[in-house]
Amino acid sequence: LLKLPFNYTGFGLMTGPVSNAMVLDLD
């Protein structure tokens, strides 16, 4: 990610099998 051209404002964590992780979002 850090090698990409800098045109972003943040990082999003990809959830599901790709990371073997989930996010609980309390809204």
PDB file of all heavy atoms in Angstrom:
ATOM      1  N   LEU A   1       0.829  -1.205   0.000  1.00  0.00           N
ATOM      2  CA  LEU A   1       0.000   0.000   0.000  1.00  0.00           C
ATOM      3  C   LEU A   1       0.865   1.257   0.000  1.00  0.00           C
ATOM      4  O   LEU A   1       0.587   2.229  -0.708  1.00  0.00           O
ATOM      5  CB  LEU A   1      -0.903  -0.015   1.231  1.00  0.00           C
ATOM      6  CG  LEU A   1      -1.993   1.045   1.333  1.00  0.00           C
ATOM      7  CD1 LEU A   1      -2.968   0.935   0.177  1.00  0.00           C
ATOM      8  CD2 LEU A   1      -2.739   0.902   2.657  1.00  0.00           C
ATOM      9  N   LEU A   2       1.938   1.222   0.760  1.00  0.00           N
ATOM     10  CA  LEU A   2       2.789   2.403   0.877  1.00  0.00           C
ATOM     11  C   LEU A   2       3.608   2.682  -0.372  1.00  0.00           C
ATOM     12  O   LEU A   2       4.198   3.751  -0.507  1.00  0.00           O
ATOM     13  CB  LEU A   2       3.711   2.259   2.086  1.00  0.00           C
ATOM     14  CG  LEU A   2       2.992   2.240   3.439  1.00  0.00           C
ATOM     15  CD1 LEU A   2       3.965   1.935   4.562  1.00  0.00           C
ATOM     16  CD2 LEU A   2       2.270   3.550   3.693  1.00  0.00           C
ATOM     17  N   LYS A   3       3.656   1.718  -1.302  1.00  0.00           N
ATOM     18  CA  LYS A   3       4.370   1.935  -2.563  1.00  0.00           C
ATOM     19  C   LYS A   3       3.471   2.542  -3.643  1.00  0.00           C
ATOM     20  O   LYS A   3       3.954   2.912  -4.716  1.00  0.00           O
ATOM     21  CB  LYS A   3       4.935   0.605  -3.066  1.00  0.00           C
ATOM     22  CG  LYS A   3       6.032   0.036  -2.176  1.00  0.00           C
ATOM     23  CD  LYS A   3       6.504  -1.319  -2.683  1.00  0.00           C
ATOM     24  CE  LYS A   3       7.554  -1.910  -1.757  1.00  0.00           C
ATOM     25  NZ  LYS A   3       7.968  -3.272  -2.217  1.00  0.00           N
ATOM     26  N   LEU A   4       2.170   2.647  -3.377  1.00  0.00           N
ATOM     27  CA  LEU A   4       1.238   3.201  -4.358  1.00  0.00           C
ATOM     28  C   LEU A   4       1.420   4.710  -4.480  1.00  0.00           C
ATOM     29  O   LEU A   4       1.883   5.375  -3.556  1.00  0.00           O
ATOM     30  CB  LEU A   4      -0.199   2.904  -3.938  1.00  0.00           C
ATOM     31  CG  LEU A   4      -0.644   1.451  -3.895  1.00  0.00           C
ATOM     32  CD1 LEU A   4      -2.079   1.367  -3.392  1.00  0.00           C
ATOM     33  CD2 LEU A   4      -0.524   0.801  -5.267  1.00  0.00           C
ATOM     34  N   PRO A   5       1.029   5.276  -5.624  1.00  0.00           N
ATOM     35  CA  PRO A   5       1.003   6.744  -5.739  1.00  0.00           C
ATOM     36  C   PRO A   5       0.127   7.338  -4.642  1.00  0.00           C
ATOM     37  O   PRO A   5      -0.924   6.787  -4.311  1.00  0.00           O
ATOM     38  CB  PRO A   5       0.401   6.976  -7.133  1.00  0.00           C
ATOM     39  CG  PRO A   5       0.677   5.722  -7.881  1.00  0.00           C
ATOM     40  CD  PRO A   5       0.612   4.607  -6.876  1.00  0.00           C
ATOM     41  N   PHE A   6       0.562   8.437  -4.090  1.00  0.00           N
ATOM     42  CA  PHE A   6      -0.146   9.009  -2.943  1.00  0.00           C
ATOM     43  C   PHE A   6      -1.321   9.863  -3.419  1.00  0.00           C
ATOM     44  O   PHE A   6      -1.189  11.049  -3.700  1.00  0.00           O
ATOM     45  CB  PHE A   6       0.810   9.843  -2.094  1.00  0.00           C
ATOM     46  CG  PHE A   6       0.179  10.334  -0.830  1.00  0.00           C
ATOM     47  CD1 PHE A   6      -0.078   9.462   0.198  1.00  0.00           C
ATOM     48  CD2 PHE A   6      -0.178  11.663  -0.689  1.00  0.00           C
ATOM     49  CE1 PHE A   6      -0.677   9.903   1.374  1.00  0.00           C
ATOM     50  CE2 PHE A   6      -0.773  12.119   0.476  1.00  0.00           C
ATOM     51  CZ  PHE A   6      -1.023  11.231   1.508  1.00  0.00           C
ATOM     52  N   ASN A   7      -2.491   9.215  -3.503  1.00  0.00           N
ATOM     53  CA  ASN A   7      -3.708   9.954  -3.867  1.00  0.00           C
ATOM     54  C   ASN A   7      -4.861   9.564  -2.949  1.00  0.00           C
ATOM     55  O   ASN A   7      -6.012   9.601  -3.342  1.00  0.00           O
ATOM     56  CB  ASN A   7      -4.082   9.694  -5.330  1.00  0.00           C
ATOM     57  CG  ASN A   7      -4.387   8.228  -5.600  1.00  0.00           C
ATOM     58  OD1 ASN A   7      -4.179   7.377  -4.729  1.00  0.00           O
ATOM     59  ND2 ASN A   7      -4.885   7.940  -6.789  1.00  0.00           N
ATOM     60  N   TYR A   8      -4.530   9.168  -1.731  1.00  0.00           N
ATOM     61  CA  TYR A   8      -5.557   8.712  -0.796  1.00  0.00           C
ATOM     62  C   TYR A   8      -5.514   9.536   0.492  1.00  0.00           C
ATOM     63  O   TYR A   8      -4.564  10.277   0.750  1.00  0.00           O
ATOM     64  CB  TYR A   8      -5.374   7.227  -0.482  1.00  0.00           C
ATOM     65  CG  TYR A   8      -3.973   6.816  -0.083  1.00  0.00           C
ATOM     66  CD1 TYR A   8      -3.512   7.005   1.217  1.00  0.00           C
ATOM     67  CD2 TYR A   8      -3.107   6.233  -1.005  1.00  0.00           C
ATOM     68  CE1 TYR A   8      -2.242   6.625   1.586  1.00  0.00           C
ATOM     69  CE2 TYR A   8      -1.827   5.850  -0.637  1.00  0.00           C
ATOM     70  CZ  TYR A   8      -1.401   6.046   0.664  1.00  0.00           C
ATOM     71  OH  TYR A   8      -0.131   5.676   1.033  1.00  0.00           O
ATOM     72  N   THR A   9      -6.569   9.397   1.301  1.00  0.00           N
ATOM     73  CA  THR A   9      -6.639  10.111   2.576  1.00  0.00           C
ATOM     74  C   THR A   9      -6.645   9.158   3.761  1.00  0.00           C
ATOM     75  O   THR A   9      -6.710   9.609   4.909  1.00  0.00           O
ATOM     76  CB  THR A   9      -7.899  10.988   2.643  1.00  0.00           C
ATOM     77  OG1 THR A   9      -9.064  10.155   2.527  1.00  0.00           O
ATOM     78  CG2 THR A   9      -7.906  12.031   1.534  1.00  0.00           C
ATOM     79  N   GLY A  10      -6.615   7.855   3.496  1.00  0.00           N
ATOM     80  CA  GLY A  10      -6.618   6.903   4.591  1.00  0.00           C
ATOM     81  C   GLY A  10      -6.556   5.471   4.101  1.00  0.00           C
ATOM     82  O   GLY A  10      -6.458   5.208   2.890  1.00  0.00           O
ATOM     83  N   PHE A  11      -6.611   4.532   5.063  1.00  0.00           N
ATOM     84  CA  PHE A  11      -6.565   3.107   4.769  1.00  0.00           C
ATOM     85  C   PHE A  11      -7.863   2.465   5.244  1.00  0.00           C
ATOM     86  O   PHE A  11      -8.311   2.716   6.368  1.00  0.00           O
ATOM     87  CB  PHE A  11      -5.419   2.399   5.516  1.00  0.00           C
ATOM     88  CG  PHE A  11      -4.049   2.931   5.242  1.00  0.00           C
ATOM     89  CD1 PHE A  11      -3.018   2.685   6.143  1.00  0.00           C
ATOM     90  CD2 PHE A  11      -3.756   3.652   4.093  1.00  0.00           C
ATOM     91  CE1 PHE A  11      -1.740   3.150   5.924  1.00  0.00           C
ATOM     92  CE2 PHE A  11      -2.476   4.123   3.859  1.00  0.00           C
ATOM     93  CZ  PHE A  11      -1.467   3.880   4.779  1.00  0.00           C
ATOM     94  N   GLY A  12      -8.421   1.592   4.404  1.00  0.00           N
ATOM     95  CA  GLY A  12      -9.561   0.792   4.805  1.00  0.00           C
ATOM     96  C   GLY A  12      -9.135  -0.652   5.000  1.00  0.00           C
ATOM     97  O   GLY A  12      -8.446  -1.225   4.145  1.00  0.00           O
ATOM     98  N   LEU A  13      -9.517  -1.251   6.107  1.00  0.00           N
ATOM     99  CA  LEU A  13      -9.234  -2.656   6.349  1.00  0.00           C
ATOM    100  C   LEU A  13     -10.243  -3.502   5.588  1.00  0.00           C
ATOM    101  O   LEU A  13     -11.457  -3.332   5.743  1.00  0.00           O
ATOM    102  CB  LEU A  13      -9.326  -2.968   7.836  1.00  0.00           C
ATOM    103  CG  LEU A  13      -9.199  -4.445   8.202  1.00  0.00           C
ATOM    104  CD1 LEU A  13      -7.788  -4.941   7.960  1.00  0.00           C
ATOM    105  CD2 LEU A  13      -9.622  -4.689   9.639  1.00  0.00           C
ATOM    106  N   MET A  14      -9.769  -4.421   4.752  1.00  0.00           N
ATOM    107  CA  MET A  14     -10.638  -5.316   4.007  1.00  0.00           C
ATOM    108  C   MET A  14     -11.049  -6.464   4.928  1.00  0.00           C
ATOM    109  O   MET A  14     -10.208  -7.185   5.464  1.00  0.00           O
ATOM    110  CB  MET A  14      -9.921  -5.833   2.765  1.00  0.00           C
ATOM    111  CG  MET A  14      -9.536  -4.720   1.804  1.00  0.00           C
ATOM    112  SD  MET A  14      -8.578  -5.277   0.364  1.00  0.00           S
ATOM    113  CE  MET A  14      -9.873  -6.080  -0.593  1.00  0.00           C
ATOM    114  N   THR A  15     -12.345  -6.632   5.129  1.00  0.00           N
ATOM    115  CA  THR A  15     -12.846  -7.661   6.031  1.00  0.00           C
ATOM    116  C   THR A  15     -13.208  -8.925   5.251  1.00  0.00           C
ATOM    117  O   THR A  15     -13.299  -8.917   4.030  1.00  0.00           O
ATOM    118  CB  THR A  15     -14.074  -7.140   6.793  1.00  0.00           C
ATOM    119  OG1 THR A  15     -15.032  -6.606   5.864  1.00  0.00           O
ATOM    120  CG2 THR A  15     -13.682  -6.043   7.771  1.00  0.00           C
ATOM    121  N   GLY A  16     -13.413 -10.013   5.986  1.00  0.00           N
ATOM    122  CA  GLY A  16     -13.757 -11.284   5.360  1.00  0.00           C
ATOM    123  C   GLY A  16     -12.562 -12.204   5.235  1.00  0.00           C
ATOM    124  O   GLY A  16     -11.523 -12.005   5.883  1.00  0.00           O
ATOM    125  N   PRO A  17     -12.672 -13.226   4.379  1.00  0.00           N
ATOM    126  CA  PRO A  17     -11.591 -14.217   4.251  1.00  0.00           C
ATOM    127  C   PRO A  17     -10.253 -13.629   3.835  1.00  0.00           C
ATOM    128  O   PRO A  17      -9.206 -14.185   4.173  1.00  0.00           O
ATOM    129  CB  PRO A  17     -12.136 -15.174   3.176  1.00  0.00           C
ATOM    130  CG  PRO A  17     -13.608 -15.003   3.198  1.00  0.00           C
ATOM    131  CD  PRO A  17     -13.848 -13.578   3.571  1.00  0.00           C
ATOM    132  N   VAL A  18     -10.255 -12.512   3.100  1.00  0.00           N
ATOM    133  CA  VAL A  18      -9.001 -11.925   2.636  1.00  0.00           C
ATOM    134  C   VAL A  18      -8.095 -11.538   3.803  1.00  0.00           C
ATOM    135  O   VAL A  18      -6.871 -11.546   3.684  1.00  0.00           O
ATOM    136  CB  VAL A  18      -9.284 -10.710   1.723  1.00  0.00           C
ATOM    137  CG1 VAL A  18      -9.900  -9.555   2.492  1.00  0.00           C
ATOM    138  CG2 VAL A  18      -8.034 -10.264   0.998  1.00  0.00           C
ATOM    139  N   SER A  19      -8.689 -11.207   4.946  1.00  0.00           N
ATOM    140  CA  SER A  19      -7.929 -10.861   6.150  1.00  0.00           C
ATOM    141  C   SER A  19      -8.205 -11.811   7.315  1.00  0.00           C
ATOM    142  O   SER A  19      -7.605 -11.658   8.379  1.00  0.00           O
ATOM    143  CB  SER A  19      -8.263  -9.439   6.610  1.00  0.00           C
ATOM    144  OG  SER A  19      -7.818  -8.462   5.692  1.00  0.00           O
ATOM    145  N   ASN A  20      -9.132 -12.755   7.113  1.00  0.00           N
ATOM    146  CA  ASN A  20      -9.603 -13.603   8.216  1.00  0.00           C
ATOM    147  C   ASN A  20      -9.962 -12.742   9.422  1.00  0.00           C
ATOM    148  O   ASN A  20      -9.541 -12.996  10.558  1.00  0.00           O
ATOM    149  CB  ASN A  20      -8.575 -14.673   8.587  1.00  0.00           C
ATOM    150  CG  ASN A  20      -8.730 -15.919   7.718  1.00  0.00           C
ATOM    151  OD1 ASN A  20      -9.835 -16.241   7.268  1.00  0.00           O
ATOM    152  ND2 ASN A  20      -7.637 -16.608   7.465  1.00  0.00           N
ATOM    153  N   ALA A  21     -10.753 -11.702   9.137  1.00  0.00           N
ATOM    154  CA  ALA A  21     -11.127 -10.751  10.179  1.00  0.00           C
ATOM    155  C   ALA A  21     -12.494 -10.160   9.875  1.00  0.00           C
ATOM    156  O   ALA A  21     -12.928 -10.104   8.712  1.00  0.00           O
ATOM    157  CB  ALA A  21     -10.089  -9.637  10.293  1.00  0.00           C
ATOM    158  N   MET A  22     -13.162  -9.723  10.926  1.00  0.00           N
ATOM    159  CA  MET A  22     -14.439  -9.016  10.825  1.00  0.00           C
ATOM    160  C   MET A  22     -14.320  -7.708  11.589  1.00  0.00           C
ATOM    161  O   MET A  22     -13.435  -7.532  12.422  1.00  0.00           O
ATOM    162  CB  MET A  22     -15.563  -9.846  11.437  1.00  0.00           C
ATOM    163  CG  MET A  22     -15.364 -10.141  12.922  1.00  0.00           C
ATOM    164  SD  MET A  22     -16.848 -10.605  13.827  1.00  0.00           S
ATOM    165  CE  MET A  22     -17.719  -9.022  13.935  1.00  0.00           C
ATOM    166  N   VAL A  23     -15.213  -6.786  11.277  1.00  0.00           N
ATOM    167  CA  VAL A  23     -15.315  -5.542  12.028  1.00  0.00           C
ATOM    168  C   VAL A  23     -16.747  -5.392  12.520  1.00  0.00           C
ATOM    169  O   VAL A  23     -17.706  -5.578  11.756  1.00  0.00           O
ATOM    170  CB  VAL A  23     -14.904  -4.323  11.172  1.00  0.00           C
ATOM    171  CG1 VAL A  23     -15.341  -3.013  11.833  1.00  0.00           C
ATOM    172  CG2 VAL A  23     -13.400  -4.312  10.953  1.00  0.00           C
ATOM    173  N   LEU A  24     -16.884  -5.106  13.790  1.00  0.00           N
ATOM    174  CA  LEU A  24     -18.169  -4.747  14.386  1.00  0.00           C
ATOM    175  C   LEU A  24     -18.219  -3.231  14.441  1.00  0.00           C
ATOM    176  O   LEU A  24     -17.399  -2.602  15.104  1.00  0.00           O
ATOM    177  CB  LEU A  24     -18.283  -5.348  15.790  1.00  0.00           C
ATOM    178  CG  LEU A  24     -19.460  -4.873  16.641  1.00  0.00           C
ATOM    179  CD1 LEU A  24     -20.791  -5.272  16.001  1.00  0.00           C
ATOM    180  CD2 LEU A  24     -19.354  -5.427  18.059  1.00  0.00           C
ATOM    181  N   ASP A  25     -19.184  -2.650  13.716  1.00  0.00           N
ATOM    182  CA  ASP A  25     -19.312  -1.196  13.627  1.00  0.00           C
ATOM    183  C   ASP A  25     -20.552  -0.777  14.402  1.00  0.00           C
ATOM    184  O   ASP A  25     -21.679  -1.137  14.028  1.00  0.00           O
ATOM    185  CB  ASP A  25     -19.424  -0.766  12.163  1.00  0.00           C
ATOM    186  CG  ASP A  25     -19.390   0.740  12.006  1.00  0.00           C
ATOM    187  OD1 ASP A  25     -18.518   1.379  12.623  1.00  0.00           O
ATOM    188  OD2 ASP A  25     -20.240   1.278  11.274  1.00  0.00           O
ATOM    189  N   LEU A  26     -20.375  -0.033  15.467  1.00  0.00           N
ATOM    190  CA  LEU A  26     -21.455   0.414  16.347  1.00  0.00           C
ATOM    191  C   LEU A  26     -21.765   1.860  16.015  1.00  0.00           C
ATOM    192  O   LEU A  26     -20.901   2.725  16.117  1.00  0.00           O
ATOM    193  CB  LEU A  26     -21.026   0.232  17.802  1.00  0.00           C
ATOM    194  CG  LEU A  26     -20.673  -1.230  18.123  1.00  0.00           C
ATOM    195  CD1 LEU A  26     -19.774  -1.317  19.342  1.00  0.00           C
ATOM    196  CD2 LEU A  26     -21.926  -2.057  18.303  1.00  0.00           C
ATOM    197  N   ASP A  27     -23.018   2.124  15.630  1.00  0.00           N
ATOM    198  CA  ASP A  27     -23.284   3.318  14.830  1.00  0.00           C
ATOM    199  C   ASP A  27     -24.332   4.256  15.410  1.00  0.00           C
ATOM    200  O   ASP A  27     -25.278   4.639  14.729  1.00  0.00           O
ATOM    201  CB  ASP A  27     -23.708   2.884  13.420  1.00  0.00           C
ATOM    202  CG  ASP A  27     -23.486   3.980  12.385  1.00  0.00           C
ATOM    203  OD1 ASP A  27     -22.702   4.901  12.654  1.00  0.00           O
ATOM    204  OD2 ASP A  27     -24.108   3.916  11.314  1.00  0.00           O
TER     205      ASP A  27
END
